[in-house]
Structures are given as structure tokens and as C-alpha cells.
Protein backbone atom coordinates (compact mmCIF):
# COMPACT_ATOMS: atom_id res chain seq x y z
CA MET A 1 18.60 9.65 -5.62
CA THR A 2 19.87 8.02 -2.57
CA ASN A 3 18.02 5.96 -0.03
CA LYS A 4 18.23 8.84 2.25
CA GLU A 5 17.17 11.43 -0.58
CA ILE A 6 14.00 9.14 -0.94
CA ILE A 7 13.65 9.41 2.89
CA ALA A 8 13.06 13.01 2.85
CA GLU A 9 11.21 13.14 -0.56
CA LEU A 10 8.32 10.82 0.90
CA ARG A 11 8.08 13.31 4.44
CA LYS A 12 7.21 16.02 1.84
CA PRO A 13 3.71 17.39 2.91
CA VAL A 14 1.75 16.60 -0.64
CA VAL A 15 -1.48 14.85 0.24
CA PRO A 16 -4.26 16.95 0.43
CA PHE A 17 -6.25 16.21 3.54
CA ASN A 18 -9.10 18.16 5.28
CA GLY A 19 -7.64 21.41 3.86
CA LYS A 20 -4.24 20.41 4.93
CA LYS A 21 -0.94 18.88 2.75
CA MET A 22 0.25 15.45 4.38
CA PRO A 23 3.71 13.92 3.84
CA LEU A 24 3.82 9.91 1.95
CA SER A 25 5.29 8.78 4.76
CA LEU A 26 1.77 8.28 6.49
CA TYR A 27 0.61 6.51 3.91
CA GLY A 28 3.64 4.56 2.64
CA SER A 29 6.04 2.44 4.31
CA PHE A 30 8.28 -0.75 3.38
CA ALA A 31 8.12 -4.84 3.81
CA LEU A 32 10.32 -4.25 6.74
CA GLY A 33 10.23 -4.96 10.01
CA THR A 34 9.68 -8.47 12.57
CA TYR A 35 6.33 -8.99 13.69
CA GLY A 36 5.70 -9.84 17.12
CA GLU A 37 3.48 -8.52 20.35
CA LYS A 38 3.54 -5.03 19.24
CA ASP A 39 2.93 -2.39 16.35
CA VAL A 40 6.33 -2.37 13.81
CA ILE A 41 8.33 0.80 14.13
CA LEU A 42 10.59 1.25 11.54
CA THR A 43 13.42 3.16 11.90
CA ASP A 44 15.27 5.94 9.28
CA GLU A 45 18.22 3.48 9.36
CA GLU A 46 16.31 0.36 8.90
CA ILE A 47 14.72 1.53 6.07
CA GLU A 48 17.81 3.35 4.22
CA ALA A 49 19.40 0.11 4.92
CA GLY A 50 16.81 -2.49 3.55
CA MET A 51 14.14 -0.71 1.08
CA THR A 52 14.42 -2.11 -2.49
CA ASP A 53 12.98 -0.42 -6.14
CA LYS A 54 11.98 -3.92 -7.99
CA TYR A 55 8.35 -4.11 -6.57
CA MET A 56 5.47 -1.53 -5.55
CA ILE A 57 2.68 -3.05 -3.41
CA VAL A 58 -0.73 -0.90 -3.73
CA PHE A 59 -3.57 -1.11 -1.37
CA LEU A 60 -6.87 -0.06 -1.82
CA ASN A 61 -7.64 2.50 1.26
CA MET A 62 -6.45 3.18 5.00
CA SER A 63 -8.67 0.96 7.35
CA ALA A 64 -7.65 2.87 10.38
CA PRO A 65 -5.90 6.03 11.30
CA VAL A 66 -2.17 6.09 11.17
CA ARG A 67 -0.37 7.57 14.17
CA LYS A 68 2.73 7.40 13.44
CA GLU A 69 5.03 7.81 10.20
CA TRP A 70 6.27 4.75 8.50
CA GLY A 71 3.48 2.91 10.51
CA ASN A 72 0.61 1.94 7.90
CA PHE A 73 0.53 -1.50 7.19
CA HIS A 74 2.36 -1.87 10.19
CA TYR A 75 -0.08 -2.11 13.22
CA LYS A 76 -1.72 -4.42 15.24
CA GLU A 77 -5.26 -3.11 14.67
CA LYS A 78 -8.01 -5.13 15.22
CA THR A 79 -9.72 -3.57 11.71
CA GLY A 80 -12.49 -4.86 9.25
CA ARG A 81 -15.09 -7.54 9.53
CA GLY A 82 -12.65 -10.02 10.32
CA GLY A 83 -10.92 -8.73 13.03
CA SER A 84 -7.23 -9.81 12.44
CA ASP A 85 -4.54 -6.65 12.73
CA GLY A 86 -3.07 -6.08 9.34
CA ALA A 87 0.17 -6.29 10.52
CA LYS A 88 -0.65 -10.49 11.03
CA ASN A 89 -1.93 -10.67 7.14
CA LEU A 90 1.18 -9.37 5.28
CA TYR A 91 4.84 -10.55 7.22
CA PRO A 92 3.95 -14.26 5.67
CA LEU A 93 4.09 -12.63 1.91
CA PHE A 94 7.49 -11.12 3.55
CA GLU A 95 8.50 -14.41 4.71
CA ARG A 96 7.71 -16.25 1.63
CA PHE A 97 8.34 -13.88 -0.92
CA PRO A 98 11.67 -13.04 -0.04
CA GLU A 99 11.94 -10.42 -2.88
CA LEU A 100 9.51 -8.23 -1.43
CA LYS A 101 11.08 -7.86 1.78
CA GLY A 102 12.15 -3.77 1.29
CA SER A 103 9.04 -3.24 -1.46
CA TYR A 104 7.38 0.22 -1.01
CA MET A 105 3.63 -0.50 0.01
CA THR A 106 0.92 2.67 -0.13
CA ASP A 107 -2.53 2.37 -0.76
CA PHE A 108 -4.01 4.30 -3.93
CA TYR A 109 -7.24 6.30 -2.04
CA LYS A 110 -5.11 8.67 0.05
CA GLY A 111 -7.39 10.08 2.64
CA ARG A 112 -9.80 7.99 2.42
CA ILE A 113 -10.18 5.87 5.94
CA THR A 114 -12.90 3.22 6.41
CA PRO A 115 -12.66 -0.38 8.01
CA ASP A 116 -13.88 -2.08 4.78
CA GLU A 117 -14.53 -1.63 1.01
CA GLY A 118 -18.21 -1.40 1.41
CA GLY A 119 -17.53 1.89 3.28
CA LEU A 120 -15.01 3.58 0.55
CA GLU A 121 -17.41 2.73 -2.27
CA LYS A 122 -20.25 4.41 -0.24
CA GLU A 123 -18.19 7.46 0.44
CA MET A 124 -17.55 8.03 -3.27
CA ALA A 125 -21.19 7.09 -4.27
CA GLU A 126 -21.45 10.54 -2.66
CA GLN A 127 -19.46 12.70 -3.97
CA ASN A 128 -20.82 14.16 -7.46
CA PRO A 129 -19.10 12.80 -10.55
CA LYS A 130 -16.66 16.76 -10.76
CA GLU A 131 -14.99 16.02 -7.44
CA ARG A 132 -14.71 11.93 -7.64
CA ALA A 133 -13.00 12.13 -10.73
CA GLU A 134 -10.65 15.27 -9.19
CA TYR A 135 -10.25 13.18 -6.31
CA GLU A 136 -9.05 10.15 -8.05
CA GLN A 137 -7.14 12.20 -10.30
CA VAL A 138 -5.27 13.75 -7.69
CA CYS A 139 -4.82 9.64 -6.00
CA ILE A 140 -3.29 8.85 -10.08
CA ASP A 141 -0.79 11.91 -9.72
CA LEU A 142 0.30 10.17 -6.21
CA LEU A 143 0.87 7.43 -6.78
CA ARG A 144 2.80 8.47 -10.47
CA LYS A 145 5.32 10.89 -7.78
CA GLU A 146 5.69 7.81 -5.54
CA ILE A 147 7.06 5.86 -8.37
CA GLU A 148 9.20 8.95 -9.47
CA ILE A 149 10.19 9.33 -5.96
CA MET A 150 11.76 5.93 -5.71
CA GLY A 151 13.69 6.09 -8.56
CA ASN A 152 12.62 3.06 -10.93
CA ASP A 153 10.03 3.98 -13.61
CA GLN A 154 10.23 0.07 -14.38
CA ILE A 155 9.11 -1.09 -11.09
CA VAL A 156 6.87 -3.90 -11.02
CA ILE A 157 3.34 -2.73 -9.46
CA LEU A 158 1.53 -5.06 -7.31
CA ALA A 159 -2.37 -4.54 -7.48
CA ALA A 160 -3.67 -6.11 -4.30
CA GLY A 161 -7.14 -6.83 -5.13
CA LYS A 162 -9.93 -6.30 -8.07
CA LYS A 163 -11.16 -3.06 -6.67
CA VAL A 164 -7.34 -1.50 -6.82
CA ALA A 165 -6.24 -2.81 -10.34
CA GLU A 166 -9.51 -1.13 -11.77
CA ALA A 167 -7.64 1.67 -10.39
CA LEU A 168 -5.37 1.34 -12.40
CA LYS A 169 -6.15 -0.27 -15.69
CA GLY A 170 -5.06 3.01 -18.11
CA HIS A 171 -2.77 4.44 -15.79
CA PHE A 172 -0.03 1.87 -14.94
CA PRO A 173 1.13 -1.55 -16.23
CA TYR A 174 -0.02 -3.81 -12.96
CA ARG A 175 0.12 -7.39 -12.05
CA ARG A 176 -3.00 -8.11 -10.17
CA VAL A 177 -2.69 -10.77 -7.27
CA CYS A 178 -4.61 -11.44 -4.23
CA HIS A 179 -6.04 -9.24 -1.29
CA CYS A 180 -4.58 -9.72 1.74
CA SER A 181 -8.45 -8.50 3.62
CA ASN A 182 -8.54 -10.01 6.56
CA GLN A 183 -11.26 -13.29 5.57
CA ALA A 184 -9.34 -14.10 2.45
CA LEU A 185 -6.29 -14.67 4.18
CA HIS A 186 -7.20 -17.49 5.99
CA ARG A 187 -7.79 -19.28 2.59
CA PHE A 188 -4.94 -17.62 0.63
CA LEU A 189 -2.31 -18.56 3.07
CA LYS A 190 -3.34 -21.80 2.73
CA ASN A 191 -3.29 -22.22 -0.97
CA ASP A 192 -3.11 -19.52 -3.06
CA TYR A 193 0.45 -18.58 -2.36
CA GLU A 194 1.08 -19.98 -5.89
CA THR A 195 -0.68 -17.10 -7.56
CA TRP A 196 1.38 -14.25 -5.82
CA ARG A 197 4.56 -16.41 -7.66
CA MET A 198 3.35 -16.14 -10.53
CA ALA A 199 2.34 -12.41 -9.88
CA ILE A 200 6.35 -12.12 -9.26
CA GLU A 201 7.58 -13.24 -11.89
CA GLY A 202 5.03 -12.88 -14.33
CA GLU A 203 4.13 -10.51 -17.07
CA PRO A 204 1.73 -7.84 -16.15
CA ARG A 205 -2.15 -8.02 -16.14
């Protein structure tokens, strides 16, 4: 597919949410744009010109609702216990590792919006085992579809954090990287760039 066709595919409603189907463009986005004082709103032209298919960064789930397509990971929202905005956490990565620029980013658990990991665990624990297994299979199938849309079956999946790695294990090859959480990032920016470097250049674990 061309980049324009990839954008069109990501806009198709396929994600079950509250009795409706939502487009992947509300859950996925691209490592593009420049961090500033306002939300980064990516245009089709920017995405078409800048997307790459070598890496895919997979996070756990949304911490706040997304207001516009391609907005996930780009809003200056104050979410989570640390009170930092998510966009600020990611842009230093794009600058430090230019090979990540243009990469597709998505959440594994789609349709679950919680401010922190504990909230997601609570929601999942409240489901009966059958419903939880069915939901997790939907998430696996959707991620497989995203990989298919990106058109590179050798795309390197970077699993952001232990919980994401656990969700992917046995289903997808991945390389685990530090999760850019509001609290962990402050330490990460100072000390742990090398772990991302090793994951970008190394073998799946």
C-alpha cells in the first residue's frame, strides 16, 4: 500500500467500543511533530511524507480520551500521578533516536481509558474470565491488523513496559523498552537512553 492508502486503512472503523466501531486513527498515531506550547495536530500531508515502517511502539492503554484522530501520544494532557503531559515525555525520544521518527505508535488495550496502570488492572480483574479472554483476543487481532496495514511483517515492535511485554509474549516478537511513564521518565531521561539504544539495535527478547 502507498502511505496515503495506509492512512485510509487506519481510518476504517474496526475497534469495538461501547457498541460502536471506532477507527484505529483514534488509537494510533505517528512519531512526528514538534513539541511546543500547544497540542500537536498531525495533518495527512505530514503523516504521508514522514511515516516509516521499521519500528512500531506499543504502549499499554490510553490515560485520557483522545479528542481528534492521530491525537494519541500528542496531547499536552496532565494525566497520571506524576502530573506531566504525555507529549513532553515522548518528544525527547524522537530527538535522541531519529530512527524512531515516523514510527507508528499504538496502545495494546484499546477502548480502556484509565489514568494509570492500576486502574486498568482493576477493570480487567472485574471482568469474568471468558469476557477478559475475548477482549484480549480482540486486542491481539487489532494489533496484528495494524502490523498488516503498515505493510512490513518484519517491523520491530518496541514494547513500552513490562505489562505490554507480558501482553505480547507468545503472540508477537518484541523488544522491551522503558515505559515513558510520568514518574519513570525523569530518571529515564538522565540514565536509561542506552536501554532504548540497545532495543533499537538489538535482538527481540
